[in-house]
Amino acid sequence: MSEVPDRRTPDREQIRPVKRRVEDRLIALPGVVGVDIGEKVSRGEPTGSESIVVHVNHKVDVSQLPEDQLIPAEIDGIPTDVVEHRIRLQSHLVPVAGSAAPPTPGADTTDARRYRPLAGGASMGPFRPVPRGASAVDGAPGEYLVAGTLGAFVTDRRTGRTLALTNFHVAAVDTGWRAGDLQLQPSRIDDGAMAGSPIGTVQRAVVSDRVDGAAVLLSPGMQWYPGVIGIGPVKGRAVARIGQTVRKRGRTTGLRHGTVSSVDFTVQIDFGGETGVRTLRDQVRIDRDPTETEFSARGDSGSVVVDDRGRVVGLLFAGEEDGSFALANPIDAVLA
């Protein structure tokens, strides 16, 4: 009797090495912004099959694409899926001339308060205005103020001093940053008077293939709370697991809940200015709770993503424009 061929659907562990091998080729195609692993959806219905998911800015009918830009239906026997998403950094930028700006789009919960002692989940940003040129991500040419979120506090292993954790694109912003750049809480967007706002200076910052991070050295005597507003004390760190429920508290949307849906998301994203387009690999994807309208919005960059035991699993830096999901650096990569 002949054997029946094994037609079981490949699982994530089997798909992962294939996805990593082909993701650079896929993400180099025009319009592709991300490559992930997830359930294939066909005609709006889940198929139950894991696939290599290719994220594009806009879907285009295959008849309009040259052959060398087509995404194959399968790669090494693994199905592919093409989905449309617009992914952007979650900082909030306002022209200096218009610093009395309208609310962040899509959000009515912006917290512009001053917190002393400092706490995770609060508004923050650099003192210096940031020059931008004309582009889709930069907007009109000019100088901009930046707002994001102070995520949590860590201890410098070399000096024992306390550092505030956030994103590169919140505290350092671009290639013009320098160690010692002054940081404010709340941000200049949220406190035009800047009365009592300085909290410290950038000590180090990096954009790598896994991390968009910055560490702010707190000013001497600055008091801080070892936790996140609305969540409570931070109780260490952990590796994000698919299916786990998580929370984050951001400057713009406040306390939101979600579910980790992937730890394999590779995204190509424009940081603007001279930093330009960067690719970050194996990022954590968090889908919003279905009872909430969004997980994050502009101004929430730098938030820490926390599990139900109070452990940090990620540092939020980007998300879908409609708020349906966010992306976070794995916290172990951030603290490495």
Protein backbone atom coordinates (compact mmCIF):
# COMPACT_ATOMS: atom_id res chain seq x y z
CA MET A 1 0.00 0.00 0.00
CA SER A 2 1.38 3.39 -0.92
CA GLU A 3 1.71 6.09 1.74
CA VAL A 4 -0.65 9.06 1.75
CA PRO A 5 1.33 12.29 1.31
CA ASP A 6 1.60 14.46 4.44
CA ARG A 7 -0.48 17.55 3.69
CA ARG A 8 -0.34 19.11 7.13
CA THR A 9 -0.04 22.87 7.15
CA PRO A 10 3.46 24.07 8.11
CA ASP A 11 3.55 25.65 11.55
CA ARG A 12 5.28 28.87 12.57
CA GLU A 13 8.52 27.14 13.54
CA GLN A 14 8.74 25.55 10.09
CA ILE A 15 7.83 28.77 8.29
CA ARG A 16 10.21 31.04 10.22
CA PRO A 17 13.51 30.08 8.48
CA VAL A 18 11.87 30.36 5.05
CA LYS A 19 10.40 33.75 5.90
CA ARG A 20 13.78 35.01 7.11
CA ARG A 21 15.48 33.77 3.96
CA VAL A 22 13.08 35.52 1.55
CA GLU A 23 12.01 38.61 3.49
CA ASP A 24 14.72 40.89 2.07
CA ARG A 25 13.71 40.00 -1.46
CA LEU A 26 10.03 40.56 -0.68
CA ILE A 27 10.49 43.82 1.21
CA ALA A 28 12.55 45.21 -1.67
CA LEU A 29 9.51 45.01 -3.96
CA PRO A 30 7.75 48.34 -4.63
CA GLY A 31 5.00 49.06 -2.11
CA VAL A 32 5.94 46.28 0.34
CA VAL A 33 6.27 47.54 3.93
CA GLY A 34 6.39 44.35 5.97
CA VAL A 35 6.72 40.58 6.05
CA ASP A 36 5.22 38.46 8.83
CA ILE A 37 3.84 35.04 9.67
CA GLY A 38 0.10 34.73 10.19
CA GLU A 39 -3.10 32.98 9.23
CA LYS A 40 -3.98 33.26 5.55
CA VAL A 41 -7.28 34.95 4.82
CA SER A 42 -9.10 34.20 1.56
CA ARG A 43 -12.13 36.20 0.42
CA GLY A 44 -12.39 37.67 3.92
CA GLU A 45 -12.45 34.29 5.66
CA PRO A 46 -9.65 32.74 7.76
CA THR A 47 -8.35 29.55 6.15
CA GLY A 48 -6.75 27.94 9.21
CA SER A 49 -3.39 27.82 7.39
CA GLU A 50 -0.30 29.67 8.55
CA SER A 51 1.32 31.70 5.77
CA ILE A 52 4.00 34.23 4.92
CA VAL A 53 2.07 37.50 5.12
CA VAL A 54 3.26 40.34 2.88
CA HIS A 55 2.10 43.82 3.92
CA VAL A 56 1.72 46.45 1.21
CA ASN A 57 0.73 50.11 1.27
CA HIS A 58 -1.83 49.57 -1.49
CA LYS A 59 -3.01 46.39 -3.15
CA VAL A 60 -2.65 46.37 -6.93
CA ASP A 61 -4.33 43.97 -9.33
CA VAL A 62 -1.81 41.37 -10.49
CA SER A 63 -2.62 42.22 -14.11
CA GLN A 64 -1.03 45.65 -13.54
CA LEU A 65 2.26 44.33 -12.17
CA PRO A 66 5.32 43.23 -14.13
CA GLU A 67 6.25 39.60 -13.62
CA ASP A 68 9.32 40.40 -11.50
CA GLN A 69 7.13 42.25 -8.97
CA LEU A 70 4.58 39.47 -8.46
CA ILE A 71 4.44 37.77 -5.06
CA PRO A 72 4.24 34.00 -5.62
CA ALA A 73 1.22 32.13 -4.27
CA GLU A 74 3.59 29.77 -2.47
CA ILE A 75 7.23 29.86 -1.38
CA ASP A 76 8.80 26.45 -0.74
CA GLY A 77 5.31 25.01 -0.32
CA ILE A 78 4.26 27.68 2.18
CA PRO A 79 1.26 29.79 1.14
CA THR A 80 1.56 33.57 0.98
CA ASP A 81 -1.00 36.23 1.73
CA VAL A 82 -0.97 39.88 0.67
CA VAL A 83 -2.66 42.43 2.96
CA GLU A 84 -2.96 46.20 2.83
CA HIS A 85 -1.71 48.25 5.77
CA ARG A 86 -0.26 51.70 6.37
CA ILE A 87 2.34 51.49 9.11
CA ARG A 88 4.01 54.56 10.59
CA LEU A 89 5.99 55.68 13.61
CA GLN A 90 3.81 56.62 16.57
CA SER A 91 5.43 59.93 17.52
CA HIS A 92 3.50 63.18 17.18
CA LEU A 93 5.11 66.09 15.29
CA VAL A 94 3.87 69.68 15.18
CA PRO A 95 5.42 72.62 13.29
CA VAL A 96 7.11 75.05 15.69
CA ALA A 97 5.03 77.89 14.26
CA GLY A 98 1.90 75.91 15.11
CA SER A 99 2.81 74.45 18.48
CA ALA A 100 -0.67 75.31 19.72
CA ALA A 101 -1.79 72.43 17.54
CA PRO A 102 -5.08 70.59 17.12
CA PRO A 103 -5.42 67.30 19.00
CA THR A 104 -3.62 64.22 17.75
CA PRO A 105 -5.71 62.71 14.91
CA GLY A 106 -8.09 59.99 16.08
CA ALA A 107 -7.51 60.55 19.79
CA ASP A 108 -9.37 62.50 22.48
CA THR A 109 -7.54 61.13 25.54
CA THR A 110 -4.20 62.96 25.25
CA ASP A 111 -2.56 63.36 28.67
CA ALA A 112 -0.50 66.57 28.74
CA ARG A 113 -0.04 66.58 32.51
CA ARG A 114 3.21 67.07 34.40
CA TYR A 115 4.09 64.08 36.59
CA ARG A 116 6.35 64.44 39.62
CA PRO A 117 7.52 61.97 40.57
CA LEU A 118 8.04 60.89 36.98
CA ALA A 119 6.18 57.79 35.86
CA GLY A 120 5.97 55.53 32.83
CA GLY A 121 3.18 56.35 30.40
CA ALA A 122 3.65 60.14 30.54
CA SER A 123 4.20 62.65 27.73
CA MET A 124 7.81 63.53 26.91
CA GLY A 125 9.92 64.96 24.12
CA PRO A 126 13.10 66.83 23.25
CA PHE A 127 13.64 70.52 23.90
CA ARG A 128 15.27 71.08 20.51
CA PRO A 129 13.12 71.63 17.43
CA VAL A 130 13.83 69.13 14.66
CA PRO A 131 14.36 70.24 11.05
CA ARG A 132 12.39 68.36 8.42
CA GLY A 133 12.38 68.45 4.62
CA ALA A 134 9.38 67.95 2.38
CA SER A 135 8.33 64.29 2.13
CA ALA A 136 5.36 62.04 2.80
CA VAL A 137 6.56 61.33 6.34
CA ASP A 138 8.13 64.72 7.12
CA GLY A 139 5.30 66.93 5.92
CA ALA A 140 6.07 70.51 4.86
CA PRO A 141 9.66 71.76 5.28
CA GLY A 142 10.41 73.46 8.56
CA GLU A 143 11.17 72.89 12.23
CA TYR A 144 9.00 70.58 14.30
CA LEU A 145 8.38 69.79 17.95
CA VAL A 146 8.11 66.13 18.92
CA ALA A 147 5.96 64.33 21.49
CA GLY A 148 6.08 60.71 22.56
CA THR A 149 5.87 58.64 25.72
CA LEU A 150 8.24 57.92 28.58
CA GLY A 151 8.08 54.12 28.78
CA ALA A 152 9.68 53.00 32.04
CA PHE A 153 12.87 53.25 34.08
CA VAL A 154 16.00 51.12 33.94
CA THR A 155 19.29 51.09 35.83
CA ASP A 156 22.55 51.73 34.02
CA ARG A 157 24.66 48.61 34.67
CA ARG A 158 27.88 50.62 34.55
CA THR A 159 27.00 53.56 36.77
CA GLY A 160 23.94 52.44 38.74
CA ARG A 161 22.12 55.61 37.72
CA THR A 162 18.49 55.69 36.66
CA LEU A 163 17.58 56.08 32.99
CA ALA A 164 14.20 56.75 31.38
CA LEU A 165 13.47 54.48 28.42
CA THR A 166 11.80 55.64 25.20
CA ASN A 167 12.37 55.51 21.43
CA PHE A 168 15.20 56.95 19.35
CA HIS A 169 12.64 58.79 17.23
CA VAL A 170 11.11 60.39 20.34
CA ALA A 171 14.20 61.58 22.26
CA ALA A 172 16.99 61.72 19.65
CA VAL A 173 14.70 61.95 16.59
CA ASP A 174 17.32 62.21 13.84
CA THR A 175 21.03 62.21 13.03
CA GLY A 176 21.37 65.72 14.51
CA TRP A 177 21.07 64.42 18.08
CA ARG A 178 23.89 64.63 20.59
CA ALA A 179 24.47 63.09 23.99
CA GLY A 180 23.27 65.72 26.43
CA ASP A 181 20.21 66.83 24.43
CA LEU A 182 17.68 68.14 26.95
CA GLN A 183 14.41 66.21 27.43
CA LEU A 184 11.12 67.51 28.83
CA GLN A 185 8.10 66.03 30.62
CA PRO A 186 5.57 66.92 29.39
CA SER A 187 6.71 67.60 25.84
CA ARG A 188 6.89 71.11 24.40
CA ILE A 189 3.78 70.32 22.36
CA ASP A 190 1.89 69.62 25.58
CA ASP A 191 3.43 72.40 27.70
CA GLY A 192 4.32 75.49 25.72
CA ALA A 193 5.48 77.30 28.87
CA MET A 194 7.96 74.49 29.69
CA ALA A 195 7.71 75.52 33.36
CA GLY A 196 9.57 72.92 35.40
CA SER A 197 9.57 70.51 32.46
CA PRO A 198 13.26 69.48 32.07
CA ILE A 199 13.87 65.95 33.36
CA GLY A 200 17.25 64.90 31.98
CA THR A 201 19.41 64.44 28.92
CA VAL A 202 19.85 61.80 26.24
CA GLN A 203 22.66 59.45 27.22
CA ARG A 204 22.49 57.02 24.31
CA ALA A 205 20.19 56.27 21.39
CA VAL A 206 20.12 53.78 18.53
CA VAL A 207 18.19 52.56 15.52
CA SER A 208 19.29 49.03 14.62
CA ASP A 209 17.70 46.10 12.82
CA ARG A 210 15.80 45.22 16.02
CA VAL A 211 15.70 48.33 18.19
CA ASP A 212 14.45 51.92 18.07
CA GLY A 213 15.54 53.00 21.53
CA ALA A 214 16.90 55.83 23.66
CA ALA A 215 17.97 56.16 27.28
CA VAL A 216 17.58 59.47 29.12
CA LEU A 217 19.77 60.16 32.14
CA LEU A 218 17.59 61.74 34.81
CA SER A 219 18.64 65.04 36.33
CA PRO A 220 20.16 64.81 39.83
CA GLY A 221 17.43 64.72 42.47
CA MET A 222 14.67 63.90 39.99
CA GLN A 223 12.11 61.69 41.71
CA TRP A 224 10.56 58.77 39.84
CA TYR A 225 8.01 56.01 40.33
CA PRO A 226 9.11 52.49 39.31
CA GLY A 227 5.99 51.74 37.36
CA VAL A 228 3.51 52.82 34.71
CA ILE A 229 0.50 55.08 35.24
CA GLY A 230 -2.69 53.01 35.37
CA ILE A 231 -0.79 49.71 35.31
CA GLY A 232 1.30 49.72 38.46
CA PRO A 233 4.84 48.70 39.38
CA VAL A 234 7.04 47.14 36.70
CA LYS A 235 8.05 43.66 37.85
CA GLY A 236 10.86 42.80 35.48
CA ARG A 237 10.83 41.73 31.86
CA ALA A 238 9.77 38.70 29.83
CA VAL A 239 9.71 37.35 26.29
CA ALA A 240 6.50 38.11 24.40
CA ARG A 241 4.40 35.02 23.67
CA ILE A 242 1.85 34.70 20.90
CA GLY A 243 -1.67 34.76 22.32
CA GLN A 244 -0.84 36.53 25.58
CA THR A 245 -2.84 39.56 26.67
CA VAL A 246 -0.90 42.77 27.23
CA ARG A 247 -1.40 46.42 28.14
CA LYS A 248 0.28 49.73 27.40
CA ARG A 249 -0.17 53.29 28.65
CA GLY A 250 0.65 56.01 26.15
CA ARG A 251 0.60 59.79 26.07
CA THR A 252 -2.19 59.90 23.48
CA THR A 253 -4.53 56.93 23.90
CA GLY A 254 -3.89 56.21 27.58
CA LEU A 255 -4.35 52.68 28.89
CA ARG A 256 -5.13 50.16 26.14
CA HIS A 257 -5.27 46.38 25.94
CA GLY A 258 -4.30 43.94 23.24
CA THR A 259 -3.08 40.50 22.28
CA VAL A 260 0.34 39.49 20.96
CA SER A 261 -0.31 38.04 17.51
CA SER A 262 3.25 37.70 16.20
CA VAL A 263 6.90 37.90 17.22
CA ASP A 264 8.13 37.66 13.62
CA PHE A 265 7.11 40.97 12.06
CA THR A 266 9.76 42.55 9.84
CA VAL A 267 8.88 46.12 8.88
CA GLN A 268 10.36 48.72 6.55
CA ILE A 269 9.57 52.16 7.90
CA ASP A 270 10.53 55.73 7.10
CA PHE A 271 12.05 57.60 10.07
CA GLY A 272 12.15 60.81 8.08
CA GLY A 273 15.02 63.25 7.81
CA GLU A 274 18.51 61.86 7.27
CA THR A 275 17.71 58.69 9.25
CA GLY A 276 15.55 57.63 6.32
CA VAL A 277 14.04 54.22 5.65
CA ARG A 278 15.09 51.45 8.02
CA THR A 279 14.19 47.77 8.33
CA LEU A 280 13.49 46.31 11.78
CA ARG A 281 13.25 42.52 12.08
CA ASP A 282 11.40 40.07 14.31
CA GLN A 283 9.24 42.70 15.97
CA VAL A 284 6.30 42.04 18.28
CA ARG A 285 2.84 42.70 16.83
CA ILE A 286 0.01 43.56 19.24
CA ASP A 287 -3.59 43.54 18.00
CA ARG A 288 -6.06 45.83 19.73
CA ASP A 289 -8.68 44.47 22.07
CA PRO A 290 -11.93 44.16 20.08
CA THR A 291 -13.75 46.26 22.71
CA GLU A 292 -11.40 49.21 22.10
CA THR A 293 -11.08 51.43 19.03
CA GLU A 294 -7.27 51.44 18.83
CA PHE A 295 -4.20 50.14 20.61
CA SER A 296 -2.01 53.16 19.87
CA ALA A 297 -1.88 56.47 18.02
CA ARG A 298 0.63 59.22 17.26
CA GLY A 299 2.27 60.27 20.52
CA ASP A 300 2.30 56.77 22.02
CA SER A 301 5.79 55.88 20.75
CA GLY A 302 8.02 54.89 23.66
CA SER A 303 5.29 53.16 25.67
CA VAL A 304 6.25 49.86 27.25
CA VAL A 305 4.06 46.85 26.55
CA VAL A 306 3.36 44.95 29.78
CA ASP A 307 2.01 41.44 30.41
CA ASP A 308 -0.60 40.48 33.02
CA ARG A 309 2.15 39.92 35.61
CA GLY A 310 3.55 43.43 35.27
CA ARG A 311 6.56 42.39 33.20
CA VAL A 312 7.68 44.46 30.20
CA VAL A 313 7.73 42.50 26.93
CA GLY A 314 8.25 45.27 24.38
CA LEU A 315 8.89 48.93 23.56
CA LEU A 316 6.20 50.33 21.24
CA PHE A 317 7.45 52.33 18.26
CA ALA A 318 5.05 51.97 15.30
CA GLY A 319 1.55 50.97 14.34
CA GLU A 320 -1.17 50.76 11.74
CA GLU A 321 -2.63 54.20 11.04
CA ASP A 322 -6.10 52.99 12.00
CA GLY A 323 -4.87 51.80 15.41
CA SER A 324 -5.77 48.15 14.79
CA PHE A 325 -2.29 46.92 15.70
CA ALA A 326 1.04 48.22 16.96
CA LEU A 327 4.64 47.05 16.72
CA ALA A 328 7.13 46.86 19.56
CA ASN A 329 10.82 46.04 19.89
CA PRO A 330 11.40 42.87 21.96
CA ILE A 331 12.50 44.16 25.35
CA ASP A 332 15.46 41.78 25.57
CA ALA A 333 16.85 43.34 22.37
CA VAL A 334 16.31 46.85 23.76
CA LEU A 335 18.19 46.09 26.98
CA ALA A 336 20.96 44.01 25.42
